[in-house]
């Protein structure tokens, strides 16, 4: 039976391990005459897809937290004496902006670049039938497969850059909302300020 370690594995180590594993798989899959990194694109694609899932899970958690805190602030408005009105309003605004930014992160990406690609789902459906898609896939060689993955990976990375920046902005707004709510609602309530 395998026992899990008592210490957490750093994220950087896990990311480096995944990349090294993708490279090892790519080099092991290559045969003579193949491009040097056959299989690398699919490993990177899986890694980028995992990052997308992580960003979406963080975003949905942040969105839910913002919605709960806005609801809580609005529902306690009449029962709590708010002495620092500006901070209360600031907290509501920051939480609301963070929620809207989080919702923006959840919008699906659009691939206007790759109408004839073979990986993105909209491009697959553009063939009009399973047979049309199969005929395009059947024409592929290993070099073309790597090219398709390289194009899609590049555009996923661009999408991730935007979504990551929006998520970081939403987290910053959330923290500002927390600071304002502590100053404007929690401290006056605890200290009994009128």
Protein backbone atom coordinates (compact mmCIF):
# COMPACT_ATOMS: atom_id res chain seq x y z
CA UNK A 1 0.00 0.00 0.00
CA UNK A 2 1.34 3.41 -1.00
CA UNK A 3 1.34 5.97 1.78
CA UNK A 4 1.00 9.60 0.79
CA UNK A 5 3.73 11.92 2.06
CA UNK A 6 3.09 14.00 5.17
CA UNK A 7 4.26 17.15 3.44
CA UNK A 8 2.67 18.96 0.46
CA UNK A 9 4.45 18.79 -2.87
CA UNK A 10 5.16 22.28 -4.22
CA UNK A 11 3.20 23.28 -7.30
CA UNK A 12 6.36 24.15 -9.21
CA UNK A 13 7.67 20.61 -8.71
CA UNK A 14 4.42 19.13 -9.98
CA UNK A 15 4.38 21.42 -13.02
CA UNK A 16 8.02 20.62 -13.82
CA UNK A 17 7.31 16.92 -13.42
CA UNK A 18 4.37 17.09 -15.86
CA UNK A 19 6.48 18.91 -18.42
CA UNK A 20 9.36 16.45 -18.01
CA UNK A 21 6.92 13.56 -18.35
CA UNK A 22 5.47 15.07 -21.54
CA UNK A 23 8.96 15.47 -22.99
CA UNK A 24 9.88 11.91 -22.02
CA UNK A 25 6.71 10.57 -23.60
CA UNK A 26 7.34 12.62 -26.71
CA UNK A 27 10.90 11.38 -27.09
CA UNK A 28 9.88 7.78 -26.41
CA UNK A 29 7.12 7.96 -29.02
CA UNK A 30 9.40 9.27 -31.73
CA UNK A 31 10.71 6.84 -34.28
CA UNK A 32 13.24 7.37 -37.02
CA UNK A 33 12.06 9.96 -39.49
CA UNK A 34 9.68 11.56 -36.99
CA UNK A 35 10.01 15.16 -35.88
CA UNK A 36 12.21 15.27 -32.77
CA UNK A 37 9.37 15.99 -30.32
CA UNK A 38 6.47 13.83 -31.50
CA UNK A 39 3.93 13.73 -28.68
CA UNK A 40 5.15 16.91 -27.04
CA UNK A 41 2.19 18.93 -28.32
CA UNK A 42 -0.38 16.62 -26.78
CA UNK A 43 1.44 16.74 -23.43
CA UNK A 44 1.47 20.53 -23.48
CA UNK A 45 -2.17 20.52 -24.56
CA UNK A 46 -3.11 18.38 -21.55
CA UNK A 47 -1.11 20.65 -19.25
CA UNK A 48 -2.81 23.79 -20.62
CA UNK A 49 -6.22 22.12 -20.33
CA UNK A 50 -5.49 21.36 -16.67
CA UNK A 51 -4.53 24.99 -16.10
CA UNK A 52 -7.83 26.04 -17.67
CA UNK A 53 -9.73 23.77 -15.27
CA UNK A 54 -7.79 25.22 -12.30
CA UNK A 55 -8.58 28.78 -13.38
CA UNK A 56 -12.26 27.93 -13.79
CA UNK A 57 -12.45 26.23 -10.38
CA UNK A 58 -10.77 29.19 -8.66
CA UNK A 59 -13.06 31.57 -10.50
CA UNK A 60 -16.28 29.75 -9.57
CA UNK A 61 -15.18 29.64 -5.92
CA UNK A 62 -14.39 33.35 -5.97
CA UNK A 63 -17.69 34.15 -7.70
CA UNK A 64 -19.64 32.19 -5.08
CA UNK A 65 -17.76 33.90 -2.23
CA UNK A 66 -18.47 37.34 -3.71
CA UNK A 67 -22.16 36.57 -4.12
CA UNK A 68 -22.43 35.27 -0.55
CA UNK A 69 -20.68 38.31 0.91
CA UNK A 70 -22.77 40.77 -1.10
CA UNK A 71 -25.92 38.98 0.05
CA UNK A 72 -24.70 38.95 3.62
CA UNK A 73 -23.87 42.66 3.56
CA UNK A 74 -27.22 43.55 2.03
CA UNK A 75 -29.20 41.35 4.43
CA UNK A 76 -27.48 42.73 7.54
CA UNK A 77 -27.78 46.35 6.43
CA UNK A 78 -30.80 47.04 8.62
CA UNK A 79 -29.69 44.97 11.63
CA UNK A 80 -26.14 46.33 11.92
CA UNK A 81 -25.40 49.92 12.76
CA UNK A 82 -23.06 51.12 10.02
CA UNK A 83 -20.99 54.04 11.26
CA UNK A 84 -18.55 54.15 8.36
CA UNK A 85 -20.95 54.27 5.43
CA UNK A 86 -18.24 54.82 2.79
CA UNK A 87 -16.48 51.57 3.66
CA UNK A 88 -19.78 49.67 3.58
CA UNK A 89 -20.55 51.02 0.12
CA UNK A 90 -16.96 50.38 -0.94
CA UNK A 91 -17.21 46.75 0.19
CA UNK A 92 -20.41 46.27 -1.80
CA UNK A 93 -18.84 47.86 -4.88
CA UNK A 94 -15.61 45.86 -4.69
CA UNK A 95 -17.43 42.56 -4.12
CA UNK A 96 -19.82 43.33 -6.98
CA UNK A 97 -16.98 44.25 -9.35
CA UNK A 98 -15.09 41.10 -8.35
CA UNK A 99 -18.20 39.01 -9.07
CA UNK A 100 -18.66 40.61 -12.49
CA UNK A 101 -14.97 40.13 -13.34
CA UNK A 102 -15.19 36.49 -12.23
CA UNK A 103 -18.23 35.96 -14.40
CA UNK A 104 -16.27 37.38 -17.35
CA UNK A 105 -13.53 34.79 -16.79
CA UNK A 106 -16.13 32.03 -17.14
CA UNK A 107 -17.15 33.05 -20.66
CA UNK A 108 -15.96 30.44 -23.15
CA UNK A 109 -13.09 31.25 -25.44
CA UNK A 110 -13.61 31.88 -29.12
CA UNK A 111 -11.20 30.60 -31.72
CA UNK A 112 -11.55 32.97 -34.61
CA UNK A 113 -8.01 32.04 -35.68
CA UNK A 114 -8.59 28.40 -36.41
CA UNK A 115 -11.66 27.89 -38.57
CA UNK A 116 -9.94 25.04 -40.38
CA UNK A 117 -8.22 23.43 -37.37
CA UNK A 118 -8.65 19.88 -36.19
CA UNK A 119 -8.68 20.25 -32.40
CA UNK A 120 -11.01 23.08 -31.37
CA UNK A 121 -14.62 21.87 -31.22
CA UNK A 122 -16.06 24.63 -33.41
CA UNK A 123 -13.53 23.82 -36.12
CA UNK A 124 -14.47 20.14 -35.90
CA UNK A 125 -18.15 20.96 -36.39
CA UNK A 126 -17.33 23.17 -39.38
CA UNK A 127 -16.72 20.01 -41.42
CA UNK A 128 -20.45 19.39 -41.43
CA UNK A 129 -20.25 15.62 -40.91
CA UNK A 130 -18.20 13.00 -39.11
CA UNK A 131 -16.99 11.74 -42.47
CA UNK A 132 -15.67 15.17 -43.47
CA UNK A 133 -13.76 15.47 -40.23
CA UNK A 134 -12.44 11.91 -40.55
CA UNK A 135 -11.18 12.55 -44.07
CA UNK A 136 -9.16 15.55 -42.83
CA UNK A 137 -7.79 13.57 -39.90
CA UNK A 138 -6.86 10.64 -42.15
CA UNK A 139 -4.57 12.93 -44.18
CA UNK A 140 -2.44 13.78 -41.14
CA UNK A 141 1.11 12.66 -40.53
CA UNK A 142 3.00 13.09 -37.26
CA UNK A 143 4.48 16.42 -38.25
CA UNK A 144 1.02 17.82 -39.13
CA UNK A 145 -0.38 16.53 -35.83
CA UNK A 146 2.34 18.40 -33.95
CA UNK A 147 1.62 21.50 -36.04
CA UNK A 148 -2.09 21.32 -35.16
CA UNK A 149 -1.28 20.95 -31.46
CA UNK A 150 1.26 23.78 -31.63
CA UNK A 151 -1.33 26.15 -33.14
CA UNK A 152 -4.00 25.21 -30.63
CA UNK A 153 -1.58 25.33 -27.69
CA UNK A 154 -0.50 28.83 -28.65
CA UNK A 155 -4.08 30.08 -28.70
CA UNK A 156 -4.98 28.30 -25.47
CA UNK A 157 -1.97 29.99 -23.85
CA UNK A 158 -3.17 33.40 -25.12
CA UNK A 159 -6.62 32.68 -23.70
CA UNK A 160 -5.12 31.58 -20.39
CA UNK A 161 -3.11 34.78 -20.17
CA UNK A 162 -6.29 36.87 -20.42
CA UNK A 163 -8.28 34.66 -18.03
CA UNK A 164 -5.43 34.59 -15.51
CA UNK A 165 -5.12 38.39 -15.60
CA UNK A 166 -8.88 38.78 -15.07
CA UNK A 167 -8.82 36.27 -12.21
CA UNK A 168 -5.95 38.12 -10.52
CA UNK A 169 -7.87 41.39 -10.91
CA UNK A 170 -10.99 39.77 -9.41
CA UNK A 171 -8.96 38.47 -6.46
CA UNK A 172 -7.54 41.96 -5.88
CA UNK A 173 -11.06 43.44 -5.91
CA UNK A 174 -12.22 40.72 -3.51
CA UNK A 175 -9.40 41.54 -1.08
CA UNK A 176 -10.24 45.24 -1.26
CA UNK A 177 -13.86 44.33 -0.53
CA UNK A 178 -12.78 42.31 2.48
CA UNK A 179 -10.69 45.20 3.81
CA UNK A 180 -13.57 47.64 3.37
CA UNK A 181 -16.06 45.28 5.02
CA UNK A 182 -13.77 44.70 7.99
CA UNK A 183 -13.22 48.45 8.45
CA UNK A 184 -16.79 49.51 7.70
CA UNK A 185 -18.87 46.68 9.17
CA UNK A 186 -16.96 44.24 11.36
CA UNK A 187 -14.83 46.65 13.45
CA UNK A 188 -17.68 49.09 14.19
CA UNK A 189 -19.88 46.16 15.21
CA UNK A 190 -17.23 44.61 17.44
CA UNK A 191 -16.14 47.92 18.97
CA UNK A 192 -19.73 49.13 19.36
CA UNK A 193 -19.18 52.35 17.41
CA UNK A 194 -22.27 54.38 16.61
